[in-house]
Amino acid sequence: MVADGTELPVDERDAELYYRPTTRPGSRLPHAWLGLADPREPTVSTHDICGHGRFTVLTGINGAKWADAAKRVAEELGIPLTAHVIGPEQEYEDLYGDWAGLREVADDGMVLVRPDNHVAYRSHGMVEDPAATLTETLRAVLGSGEGALQGGRSSVSARDASEQDSRGASEQGTRDASQQGARA
């Protein structure tokens, strides 16, 4: 996981009792129903299109550069990585607006999902060089190369935090700190 530079939000409700979906790095990918380009096909979940032994990039209608970068990075690093642009007239459509409400990134942002359906990283908007950001992020997540975490935060998250504007949706959700207390 690579931090995205956002602050940990404060939960107003008891996190033991209430699940709050979020795309904050480290969280399980939220479920949302998506339609396929062919309306005769059944809907699929965000969980259906991610995982399965590969990393996945999810982006919106203005994030085609992320999808192109994912292809190049997969080849360069030799890892299974796929990308899906979610939006009108794309392979997957956000039929009910559920994904738009849960993704917490702009249409040109990106959510990188690990093979276990947990969020590895997110970018709230487009960056100058999506391929470099993905490469550094994946190296940090995999613990190899120049993108490895330095001082608890990668150079990717610091750079992207300064590049991105405040378009990101408000934070919703957090890891439950009380779980650690329960484990102790």
Protein backbone atom coordinates (compact mmCIF):
# COMPACT_ATOMS: atom_id res chain seq x y z
CA MET A 1 0.00 0.00 0.00
CA VAL A 2 1.17 3.52 -0.77
CA ALA A 3 -0.30 6.46 1.12
CA ASP A 4 -2.11 9.05 -0.98
CA GLY A 5 -1.39 11.99 1.29
CA THR A 6 -4.90 12.31 2.73
CA GLU A 7 -5.61 12.59 6.42
CA LEU A 8 -7.31 9.76 8.26
CA PRO A 9 -10.99 10.81 8.51
CA VAL A 10 -12.79 10.79 11.82
CA ASP A 11 -15.62 8.27 12.07
CA GLU A 12 -18.77 9.76 13.54
CA ARG A 13 -20.41 6.38 13.97
CA ASP A 14 -19.13 3.28 15.69
CA ALA A 15 -16.81 1.60 13.19
CA GLU A 16 -17.41 -1.74 14.91
CA LEU A 17 -21.08 -1.57 13.92
CA TYR A 18 -21.09 0.43 10.69
CA TYR A 19 -19.14 -0.30 7.54
CA ARG A 20 -18.11 2.77 5.63
CA PRO A 21 -16.89 2.03 2.08
CA THR A 22 -13.81 3.93 0.96
CA THR A 23 -11.06 3.76 -1.63
CA ARG A 24 -8.46 4.96 0.87
CA PRO A 25 -5.28 2.87 0.42
CA GLY A 26 -5.38 -0.23 2.62
CA SER A 27 -9.17 -0.51 2.51
CA ARG A 28 -11.13 -3.24 0.79
CA LEU A 29 -12.40 -2.10 -2.60
CA PRO A 30 -16.02 -0.94 -2.25
CA HIS A 31 -18.67 -2.92 -4.09
CA ALA A 32 -20.66 -1.18 -6.81
CA TRP A 33 -22.75 -2.64 -9.62
CA LEU A 34 -21.52 -1.90 -13.14
CA GLY A 35 -23.20 -2.53 -16.45
CA LEU A 36 -21.50 -4.00 -19.48
CA ALA A 37 -21.38 -2.33 -22.89
CA ASP A 38 -23.87 -4.96 -24.10
CA PRO A 39 -27.10 -4.27 -22.17
CA ARG A 40 -28.20 -7.89 -22.64
CA GLU A 41 -25.36 -9.00 -20.37
CA PRO A 42 -25.87 -9.12 -16.59
CA THR A 43 -24.39 -6.48 -14.31
CA VAL A 44 -21.05 -7.13 -12.65
CA SER A 45 -19.51 -5.93 -9.41
CA THR A 46 -16.34 -3.94 -8.99
CA HIS A 47 -15.18 -7.07 -7.13
CA ASP A 48 -15.80 -9.17 -10.25
CA ILE A 49 -13.50 -7.10 -12.47
CA CYS A 50 -10.64 -6.86 -9.97
CA GLY A 51 -8.47 -9.42 -8.22
CA HIS A 52 -8.08 -12.82 -9.84
CA GLY A 53 -4.31 -12.79 -9.31
CA ARG A 54 -3.62 -9.41 -10.91
CA PHE A 55 -3.41 -5.72 -10.08
CA THR A 56 -6.18 -3.56 -11.56
CA VAL A 57 -6.40 0.12 -12.44
CA LEU A 58 -9.91 1.60 -12.24
CA THR A 59 -10.38 5.01 -13.79
CA GLY A 60 -13.16 7.21 -15.10
CA ILE A 61 -14.13 8.47 -18.51
CA ASN A 62 -11.31 11.06 -18.56
CA GLY A 63 -8.65 8.62 -17.35
CA ALA A 64 -7.72 6.84 -20.58
CA LYS A 65 -4.07 7.87 -20.01
CA TRP A 66 -4.05 5.68 -16.87
CA ALA A 67 -5.29 2.71 -18.89
CA ASP A 68 -2.64 3.26 -21.58
CA ALA A 69 0.04 3.62 -18.90
CA ALA A 70 -1.09 0.39 -17.22
CA LYS A 71 -0.44 -1.57 -20.42
CA ARG A 72 3.08 -0.19 -20.72
CA VAL A 73 3.87 -0.68 -17.02
CA ALA A 74 2.61 -4.29 -17.03
CA GLU A 75 4.94 -5.06 -19.90
CA GLU A 76 7.87 -3.17 -18.37
CA LEU A 77 7.57 -4.75 -14.92
CA GLY A 78 6.37 -8.14 -16.14
CA ILE A 79 3.43 -8.26 -13.76
CA PRO A 80 -0.25 -9.01 -14.32
CA LEU A 81 -1.94 -5.59 -14.48
CA THR A 82 -5.19 -4.71 -16.19
CA ALA A 83 -7.08 -1.44 -16.51
CA HIS A 84 -10.76 -0.60 -16.81
CA VAL A 85 -12.22 2.75 -17.83
CA ILE A 86 -15.66 3.05 -16.25
CA GLY A 87 -18.09 5.40 -17.91
CA PRO A 88 -20.60 5.93 -20.73
CA GLU A 89 -19.90 3.87 -23.87
CA GLN A 90 -16.96 2.08 -22.20
CA GLU A 91 -16.56 -1.62 -21.44
CA TYR A 92 -18.12 -0.96 -18.02
CA GLU A 93 -20.74 1.69 -17.26
CA ASP A 94 -21.70 3.11 -13.88
CA LEU A 95 -25.42 2.50 -14.38
CA TYR A 96 -26.66 3.84 -11.07
CA GLY A 97 -23.88 6.27 -10.19
CA ASP A 98 -22.81 4.04 -7.30
CA TRP A 99 -19.16 3.86 -8.33
CA ALA A 100 -18.99 7.65 -8.83
CA GLY A 101 -20.23 8.06 -5.27
CA LEU A 102 -17.76 5.57 -3.82
CA ARG A 103 -14.54 6.04 -5.79
CA GLU A 104 -13.43 9.28 -4.05
CA VAL A 105 -11.40 10.33 -7.11
CA ALA A 106 -12.24 12.49 -10.12
CA ASP A 107 -13.09 11.13 -13.59
CA ASP A 108 -9.41 11.47 -14.51
CA GLY A 109 -8.23 9.92 -11.25
CA MET A 110 -7.30 6.31 -10.62
CA VAL A 111 -7.69 3.57 -8.02
CA LEU A 112 -5.03 0.84 -8.07
CA VAL A 113 -6.41 -2.42 -6.65
CA ARG A 114 -4.23 -5.27 -5.39
CA PRO A 115 -4.93 -8.90 -6.37
CA ASP A 116 -6.67 -9.39 -2.98
CA ASN A 117 -9.22 -6.61 -3.80
CA HIS A 118 -7.67 -4.09 -1.39
CA VAL A 119 -6.74 -0.60 -2.54
CA ALA A 120 -2.99 -0.22 -3.04
CA TYR A 121 -3.04 3.44 -4.10
CA ARG A 122 -5.27 6.14 -5.52
CA SER A 123 -4.65 9.33 -7.42
CA HIS A 124 -7.37 11.93 -7.06
CA GLY A 125 -6.74 13.27 -10.55
CA MET A 126 -4.47 13.05 -13.57
CA VAL A 127 -0.75 13.43 -12.98
CA GLU A 128 1.93 14.63 -15.39
CA ASP A 129 3.30 11.14 -16.06
CA PRO A 130 0.82 8.32 -15.25
CA ALA A 131 3.27 5.59 -16.33
CA ALA A 132 5.98 6.85 -13.97
CA THR A 133 3.48 7.12 -11.12
CA LEU A 134 2.21 3.58 -11.70
CA THR A 135 5.72 2.19 -12.02
CA GLU A 136 6.92 3.83 -8.80
CA THR A 137 3.76 2.84 -6.97
CA LEU A 138 3.91 -0.79 -8.02
CA ARG A 139 7.60 -0.98 -7.13
CA ALA A 140 6.77 0.42 -3.70
CA VAL A 141 3.90 -2.02 -3.23
CA LEU A 142 6.04 -4.94 -4.35
CA GLY A 143 9.00 -3.71 -2.27
CA SER A 144 11.48 -3.36 -5.12
CA GLY A 145 13.26 -0.66 -7.07
CA GLU A 146 13.42 3.10 -6.75
CA GLY A 147 9.80 3.46 -5.69
CA ALA A 148 10.31 1.56 -2.44
CA LEU A 149 8.93 3.33 0.59
CA GLN A 150 11.24 5.89 2.12
CA GLY A 151 10.51 7.04 5.63
CA GLY A 152 7.00 5.58 5.68
CA ARG A 153 5.90 7.50 2.58
CA SER A 154 6.85 6.97 -1.01
CA SER A 155 8.10 9.63 -3.36
CA VAL A 156 5.00 8.89 -5.46
CA SER A 157 2.54 9.96 -2.78
CA ALA A 158 4.48 13.12 -1.98
CA ARG A 159 4.74 14.12 -5.65
CA ASP A 160 1.13 13.32 -6.47
CA ALA A 161 -0.17 15.11 -3.40
CA SER A 162 1.55 18.28 -4.59
CA GLU A 163 0.44 17.83 -8.23
CA GLN A 164 -3.22 17.20 -7.60
CA ASP A 165 -5.79 19.83 -6.88
CA SER A 166 -8.57 19.55 -4.37
CA ARG A 167 -10.96 17.81 -6.78
CA GLY A 168 -10.94 14.61 -4.74
CA ALA A 169 -14.18 13.70 -3.07
CA SER A 170 -14.39 14.03 0.69
CA GLU A 171 -12.94 11.14 2.63
CA GLN A 172 -15.32 8.47 3.85
CA GLY A 173 -13.99 5.77 6.02
CA THR A 174 -11.02 4.58 7.87
CA ARG A 175 -9.32 1.57 9.25
CA ASP A 176 -10.82 0.85 12.64
CA ALA A 177 -8.26 1.79 15.26
CA SER A 178 -10.30 -0.04 17.87
CA GLN A 179 -9.57 -3.33 16.08
CA GLN A 180 -5.98 -3.03 17.19
CA GLY A 181 -7.14 -2.51 20.75
CA ALA A 182 -9.30 -5.63 20.47
CA ARG A 183 -6.30 -7.63 19.25
CA ALA A 184 -4.10 -6.52 22.11
